[in-house]
PDB file of N, CA and C in Angstrom:
ATOM      1  N   UNK A   1     -24.182 -20.720   3.071  1.00  0.00           N
ATOM      2  CA  UNK A   1     -22.948 -20.529   3.805  1.00  0.00           C
ATOM      3  C   UNK A   1     -22.066 -19.544   3.058  1.00  0.00           C
ATOM      4  N   UNK A   2     -21.475 -18.630   3.775  1.00  0.00           N
ATOM      5  CA  UNK A   2     -20.641 -17.596   3.165  1.00  0.00           C
ATOM      6  C   UNK A   2     -19.296 -18.173   2.748  1.00  0.00           C
ATOM      7  N   UNK A   3     -18.704 -17.553   1.735  1.00  0.00           N
ATOM      8  CA  UNK A   3     -17.400 -17.977   1.269  1.00  0.00           C
ATOM      9  C   UNK A   3     -16.291 -17.511   2.195  1.00  0.00           C
ATOM     10  N   UNK A   4     -15.117 -18.057   1.987  1.00  0.00           N
ATOM     11  CA  UNK A   4     -13.962 -17.697   2.809  1.00  0.00           C
ATOM     12  C   UNK A   4     -13.392 -16.364   2.326  1.00  0.00           C
ATOM     13  N   UNK A   5     -12.941 -15.546   3.269  1.00  0.00           N
ATOM     14  CA  UNK A   5     -12.343 -14.265   2.910  1.00  0.00           C
ATOM     15  C   UNK A   5     -11.013 -14.479   2.212  1.00  0.00           C
ATOM     16  N   UNK A   6     -10.725 -13.602   1.295  1.00  0.00           N
ATOM     17  CA  UNK A   6      -9.463 -13.648   0.570  1.00  0.00           C
ATOM     18  C   UNK A   6      -8.418 -12.872   1.370  1.00  0.00           C
ATOM     19  N   UNK A   7      -7.276 -13.482   1.607  1.00  0.00           N
ATOM     20  CA  UNK A   7      -6.163 -12.806   2.280  1.00  0.00           C
ATOM     21  C   UNK A   7      -5.101 -12.478   1.244  1.00  0.00           C
ATOM     22  N   UNK A   8      -4.696 -11.223   1.210  1.00  0.00           N
ATOM     23  CA  UNK A   8      -3.704 -10.780   0.251  1.00  0.00           C
ATOM     24  C   UNK A   8      -2.359 -10.647   0.947  1.00  0.00           C
ATOM     25  N   UNK A   9      -1.300 -11.032   0.255  1.00  0.00           N
ATOM     26  CA  UNK A   9       0.039 -10.951   0.802  1.00  0.00           C
ATOM     27  C   UNK A   9       0.581  -9.530   0.767  1.00  0.00           C
ATOM     28  N   UNK A  10       1.634  -9.316   1.523  1.00  0.00           N
ATOM     29  CA  UNK A  10       2.237  -7.991   1.628  1.00  0.00           C
ATOM     30  C   UNK A  10       2.790  -7.512   0.283  1.00  0.00           C
ATOM     31  N   UNK A  11       3.376  -8.423  -0.484  1.00  0.00           N
ATOM     32  CA  UNK A  11       3.927  -8.033  -1.795  1.00  0.00           C
ATOM     33  C   UNK A  11       2.839  -7.533  -2.730  1.00  0.00           C
ATOM     34  N   UNK A  12       1.715  -8.242  -2.752  1.00  0.00           N
ATOM     35  CA  UNK A  12       0.608  -7.847  -3.616  1.00  0.00           C
ATOM     36  C   UNK A  12       0.051  -6.495  -3.195  1.00  0.00           C
ATOM     37  N   UNK A  13      -0.128  -6.309  -1.888  1.00  0.00           N
ATOM     38  CA  UNK A  13      -0.644  -5.045  -1.371  1.00  0.00           C
ATOM     39  C   UNK A  13       0.287  -3.896  -1.741  1.00  0.00           C
ATOM     40  N   UNK A  14       1.593  -4.117  -1.575  1.00  0.00           N
ATOM     41  CA  UNK A  14       2.572  -3.076  -1.891  1.00  0.00           C
ATOM     42  C   UNK A  14       2.546  -2.745  -3.381  1.00  0.00           C
ATOM     43  N   UNK A  15       2.430  -3.770  -4.206  1.00  0.00           N
ATOM     44  CA  UNK A  15       2.396  -3.568  -5.662  1.00  0.00           C
ATOM     45  C   UNK A  15       1.189  -2.725  -6.067  1.00  0.00           C
ATOM     46  N   UNK A  16       0.022  -3.085  -5.550  1.00  0.00           N
ATOM     47  CA  UNK A  16      -1.208  -2.365  -5.888  1.00  0.00           C
ATOM     48  C   UNK A  16      -1.154  -0.940  -5.331  1.00  0.00           C
ATOM     49  N   UNK A  17      -0.688  -0.788  -4.094  1.00  0.00           N
ATOM     50  CA  UNK A  17      -0.592   0.541  -3.485  1.00  0.00           C
ATOM     51  C   UNK A  17       0.360   1.433  -4.274  1.00  0.00           C
ATOM     52  N   UNK A  18       1.476   0.883  -4.710  1.00  0.00           N
ATOM     53  CA  UNK A  18       2.435   1.670  -5.487  1.00  0.00           C
ATOM     54  C   UNK A  18       1.839   2.107  -6.817  1.00  0.00           C
ATOM     55  N   UNK A  19       1.086   1.224  -7.454  1.00  0.00           N
ATOM     56  CA  UNK A  19       0.415   1.598  -8.701  1.00  0.00           C
ATOM     57  C   UNK A  19      -0.589   2.722  -8.450  1.00  0.00           C
ATOM     58  N   UNK A  20      -1.289   2.662  -7.326  1.00  0.00           N
ATOM     59  CA  UNK A  20      -2.268   3.702  -6.996  1.00  0.00           C
ATOM     60  C   UNK A  20      -1.565   5.023  -6.708  1.00  0.00           C
ATOM     61  N   UNK A  21      -0.432   4.972  -6.025  1.00  0.00           N
ATOM     62  CA  UNK A  21       0.317   6.190  -5.706  1.00  0.00           C
ATOM     63  C   UNK A  21       0.865   6.833  -6.973  1.00  0.00           C
ATOM     64  N   UNK A  22       1.342   6.018  -7.883  1.00  0.00           N
ATOM     65  CA  UNK A  22       1.888   6.547  -9.144  1.00  0.00           C
ATOM     66  C   UNK A  22       0.840   7.338  -9.923  1.00  0.00           C
ATOM     67  N   UNK A  23      -0.404   6.890  -9.876  1.00  0.00           N
ATOM     68  CA  UNK A  23      -1.482   7.609 -10.539  1.00  0.00           C
ATOM     69  C   UNK A  23      -1.549   7.422 -12.038  1.00  0.00           C
ATOM     70  N   UNK A  24      -0.850   6.429 -12.564  1.00  0.00           N
ATOM     71  CA  UNK A  24      -0.890   6.177 -14.002  1.00  0.00           C
ATOM     72  C   UNK A  24      -2.226   5.574 -14.431  1.00  0.00           C
ATOM     73  N   UNK A  25      -2.898   4.901 -13.474  1.00  0.00           N
ATOM     74  CA  UNK A  25      -4.211   4.315 -13.725  1.00  0.00           C
ATOM     75  C   UNK A  25      -5.172   4.818 -12.657  1.00  0.00           C
ATOM     76  N   UNK A  26      -6.435   4.904 -12.998  1.00  0.00           N
ATOM     77  CA  UNK A  26      -7.432   5.306 -12.010  1.00  0.00           C
ATOM     78  C   UNK A  26      -7.699   4.128 -11.070  1.00  0.00           C
ATOM     79  N   UNK A  27      -8.336   4.417  -9.953  1.00  0.00           N
ATOM     80  CA  UNK A  27      -8.678   3.361  -9.002  1.00  0.00           C
ATOM     81  C   UNK A  27      -9.616   2.357  -9.668  1.00  0.00           C
ATOM     82  N   UNK A  28     -10.523   2.844 -10.484  1.00  0.00           N
ATOM     83  CA  UNK A  28     -11.450   1.945 -11.185  1.00  0.00           C
ATOM     84  C   UNK A  28     -10.693   0.992 -12.118  1.00  0.00           C
ATOM     85  N   UNK A  29      -9.669   1.492 -12.776  1.00  0.00           N
ATOM     86  CA  UNK A  29      -8.858   0.635 -13.649  1.00  0.00           C
ATOM     87  C   UNK A  29      -8.068  -0.390 -12.843  1.00  0.00           C
ATOM     88  N   UNK A  30      -7.581   0.025 -11.675  1.00  0.00           N
ATOM     89  CA  UNK A  30      -6.863  -0.911 -10.806  1.00  0.00           C
ATOM     90  C   UNK A  30      -7.798  -1.993 -10.268  1.00  0.00           C
ATOM     91  N   UNK A  31      -9.040  -1.615  -9.969  1.00  0.00           N
ATOM     92  CA  UNK A  31     -10.042  -2.587  -9.517  1.00  0.00           C
ATOM     93  C   UNK A  31     -10.244  -3.647 -10.590  1.00  0.00           C
ATOM     94  N   UNK A  32     -10.400  -3.218 -11.831  1.00  0.00           N
ATOM     95  CA  UNK A  32     -10.612  -4.148 -12.934  1.00  0.00           C
ATOM     96  C   UNK A  32      -9.374  -5.010 -13.183  1.00  0.00           C
ATOM     97  N   UNK A  33      -8.204  -4.425 -13.044  1.00  0.00           N
ATOM     98  CA  UNK A  33      -6.957  -5.138 -13.320  1.00  0.00           C
ATOM     99  C   UNK A  33      -6.667  -6.210 -12.271  1.00  0.00           C
ATOM    100  N   UNK A  34      -6.846  -5.864 -10.992  1.00  0.00           N
ATOM    101  CA  UNK A  34      -6.442  -6.763  -9.909  1.00  0.00           C
ATOM    102  C   UNK A  34      -7.612  -7.499  -9.250  1.00  0.00           C
ATOM    103  N   UNK A  35      -8.841  -7.075  -9.512  1.00  0.00           N
ATOM    104  CA  UNK A  35      -9.992  -7.732  -8.922  1.00  0.00           C
ATOM    105  C   UNK A  35     -10.124  -7.498  -7.428  1.00  0.00           C
ATOM    106  N   UNK A  36      -9.734  -6.322  -6.982  1.00  0.00           N
ATOM    107  CA  UNK A  36      -9.779  -5.955  -5.569  1.00  0.00           C
ATOM    108  C   UNK A  36     -10.729  -4.776  -5.421  1.00  0.00           C
ATOM    109  N   UNK A  37     -11.457  -4.708  -4.314  1.00  0.00           N
ATOM    110  CA  UNK A  37     -12.405  -3.625  -4.092  1.00  0.00           C
ATOM    111  C   UNK A  37     -11.665  -2.299  -3.925  1.00  0.00           C
ATOM    112  N   UNK A  38     -12.295  -1.218  -4.383  1.00  0.00           N
ATOM    113  CA  UNK A  38     -11.669   0.102  -4.343  1.00  0.00           C
ATOM    114  C   UNK A  38     -11.342   0.560  -2.924  1.00  0.00           C
ATOM    115  N   UNK A  39     -12.143   0.144  -1.960  1.00  0.00           N
ATOM    116  CA  UNK A  39     -11.884   0.513  -0.569  1.00  0.00           C
ATOM    117  C   UNK A  39     -10.555  -0.065  -0.097  1.00  0.00           C
ATOM    118  N   UNK A  40     -10.256  -1.302  -0.499  1.00  0.00           N
ATOM    119  CA  UNK A  40      -8.983  -1.912  -0.132  1.00  0.00           C
ATOM    120  C   UNK A  40      -7.816  -1.167  -0.771  1.00  0.00           C
ATOM    121  N   UNK A  41      -7.963  -0.814  -2.025  1.00  0.00           N
ATOM    122  CA  UNK A  41      -6.888  -0.101  -2.718  1.00  0.00           C
ATOM    123  C   UNK A  41      -6.618   1.234  -2.040  1.00  0.00           C
ATOM    124  N   UNK A  42      -7.672   1.979  -1.731  1.00  0.00           N
ATOM    125  CA  UNK A  42      -7.489   3.269  -1.065  1.00  0.00           C
ATOM    126  C   UNK A  42      -6.884   3.100   0.327  1.00  0.00           C
ATOM    127  N   UNK A  43      -7.278   2.052   1.025  1.00  0.00           N
ATOM    128  CA  UNK A  43      -6.739   1.785   2.356  1.00  0.00           C
ATOM    129  C   UNK A  43      -5.258   1.431   2.282  1.00  0.00           C
ATOM    130  N   UNK A  44      -4.885   0.570   1.351  1.00  0.00           N
ATOM    131  CA  UNK A  44      -3.476   0.189   1.187  1.00  0.00           C
ATOM    132  C   UNK A  44      -2.628   1.384   0.773  1.00  0.00           C
ATOM    133  N   UNK A  45      -3.179   2.236  -0.081  1.00  0.00           N
ATOM    134  CA  UNK A  45      -2.461   3.435  -0.510  1.00  0.00           C
ATOM    135  C   UNK A  45      -2.205   4.360   0.682  1.00  0.00           C
ATOM    136  N   UNK A  46      -3.242   4.567   1.507  1.00  0.00           N
ATOM    137  CA  UNK A  46      -3.102   5.417   2.692  1.00  0.00           C
ATOM    138  C   UNK A  46      -2.078   4.843   3.662  1.00  0.00           C
ATOM    139  N   UNK A  47      -2.124   3.531   3.888  1.00  0.00           N
ATOM    140  CA  UNK A  47      -1.180   2.876   4.790  1.00  0.00           C
ATOM    141  C   UNK A  47       0.247   3.002   4.271  1.00  0.00           C
ATOM    142  N   UNK A  48       0.423   2.882   2.964  1.00  0.00           N
ATOM    143  CA  UNK A  48       1.758   2.997   2.374  1.00  0.00           C
ATOM    144  C   UNK A  48       2.304   4.411   2.546  1.00  0.00           C
ATOM    145  N   UNK A  49       1.466   5.403   2.306  1.00  0.00           N
ATOM    146  CA  UNK A  49       1.918   6.789   2.448  1.00  0.00           C
ATOM    147  C   UNK A  49       2.244   7.125   3.905  1.00  0.00           C
ATOM    148  N   UNK A  50       1.450   6.618   4.839  1.00  0.00           N
ATOM    149  CA  UNK A  50       1.716   6.865   6.257  1.00  0.00           C
ATOM    150  C   UNK A  50       2.967   6.141   6.717  1.00  0.00           C
ATOM    151  N   UNK A  51       3.212   4.953   6.185  1.00  0.00           N
ATOM    152  CA  UNK A  51       4.376   4.167   6.575  1.00  0.00           C
ATOM    153  C   UNK A  51       5.683   4.684   6.013  1.00  0.00           C
ATOM    154  N   UNK A  52       5.609   5.409   4.907  1.00  0.00           N
ATOM    155  CA  UNK A  52       6.832   5.922   4.284  1.00  0.00           C
ATOM    156  C   UNK A  52       7.579   6.890   5.187  1.00  0.00           C
ATOM    157  N   UNK A  53       6.868   7.710   5.917  1.00  0.00           N
ATOM    158  CA  UNK A  53       7.535   8.679   6.781  1.00  0.00           C
ATOM    159  C   UNK A  53       8.329   7.958   7.866  1.00  0.00           C
ATOM    160  N   UNK A  54       7.843   6.823   8.330  1.00  0.00           N
ATOM    161  CA  UNK A  54       8.551   6.045   9.332  1.00  0.00           C
ATOM    162  C   UNK A  54       9.842   5.460   8.806  1.00  0.00           C
ATOM    163  N   UNK A  55       9.844   5.102   7.550  1.00  0.00           N
ATOM    164  CA  UNK A  55      11.048   4.542   6.936  1.00  0.00           C
ATOM    165  C   UNK A  55      12.161   5.579   6.922  1.00  0.00           C
ATOM    166  N   UNK A  56      11.841   6.771   6.493  1.00  0.00           N
ATOM    167  CA  UNK A  56      12.855   7.801   6.388  1.00  0.00           C
ATOM    168  C   UNK A  56      13.235   8.379   7.745  1.00  0.00           C
ATOM    169  N   UNK A  57      12.307   8.471   8.655  1.00  0.00           N
ATOM    170  CA  UNK A  57      12.630   9.022   9.970  1.00  0.00           C
ATOM    171  C   UNK A  57      13.492   8.043  10.761  1.00  0.00           C
ATOM    172  N   UNK A  58      13.339   6.757  10.513  1.00  0.00           N
ATOM    173  CA  UNK A  58      14.150   5.754  11.198  1.00  0.00           C
ATOM    174  C   UNK A  58      15.619   5.890  10.874  1.00  0.00           C
ATOM    175  N   UNK A  59      15.942   6.184   9.627  1.00  0.00           N
ATOM    176  CA  UNK A  59      17.338   6.363   9.224  1.00  0.00           C
ATOM    177  C   UNK A  59      17.930   7.606   9.863  1.00  0.00           C
ATOM    178  N   UNK A  60      17.141   8.656   9.964  1.00  0.00           N
ATOM    179  CA  UNK A  60      17.637   9.887  10.556  1.00  0.00           C
ATOM    180  C   UNK A  60      17.912   9.692  12.038  1.00  0.00           C
ATOM    181  N   UNK A  61      17.068   8.909  12.717  1.00  0.00           N
ATOM    182  CA  UNK A  61      17.257   8.660  14.146  1.00  0.00           C
ATOM    183  C   UNK A  61      18.512   7.831  14.394  1.00  0.00           C
ATOM    184  N   UNK A  62      18.797   6.875  13.509  1.00  0.00           N
ATOM    185  CA  UNK A  62      19.991   6.041  13.664  1.00  0.00           C
ATOM    186  C   UNK A  62      21.243   6.887  13.489  1.00  0.00           C
ATOM    187  N   UNK A  63      21.253   7.760  12.503  1.00  0.00           N
ATOM    188  CA  UNK A  63      22.414   8.621  12.277  1.00  0.00           C
ATOM    189  C   UNK A  63      22.627   9.573  13.440  1.00  0.00           C
ATOM    190  N   UNK A  64      21.550  10.099  13.992  1.00  0.00           N
ATOM    191  CA  UNK A  64      21.660  11.014  15.129  1.00  0.00           C
ATOM    192  C   UNK A  64      22.207  10.278  16.350  1.00  0.00           C
ATOM    193  N   UNK A  65      21.821   9.029  16.539  1.00  0.00           N
ATOM    194  CA  UNK A  65      22.290   8.244  17.677  1.00  0.00           C
ATOM    195  C   UNK A  65      23.777   7.919  17.548  1.00  0.00           C
ATOM    196  N   UNK A  66      24.259   7.726  16.307  1.00  0.00           N
ATOM    197  CA  UNK A  66      25.668   7.423  16.084  1.00  0.00           C
ATOM    198  C   UNK A  66      26.551   8.624  16.416  1.00  0.00           C
ATOM    199  N   UNK A  67      26.050   9.827  16.191  1.00  0.00           N
ATOM    200  CA  UNK A  67      26.843  11.025  16.445  1.00  0.00           C
ATOM    201  C   UNK A  67      26.869  11.283  17.929  1.00  0.00           C
TER     202      UNK A  67
END
């Protein structure tokens, strides 16, 4: 029987993704440090970078609507 999948919380994902974005450690070092597969780290990093543009564009849209 297969084991249960591990579910990671949003805080943990954000922490690991931020470490990957900073580039102070290689993905292999992050894998060893956090015990997460490299594919997950790369996926979380990509999602974080794509989501950042939405954060900043949202503020600009609110300011434009106020004017």
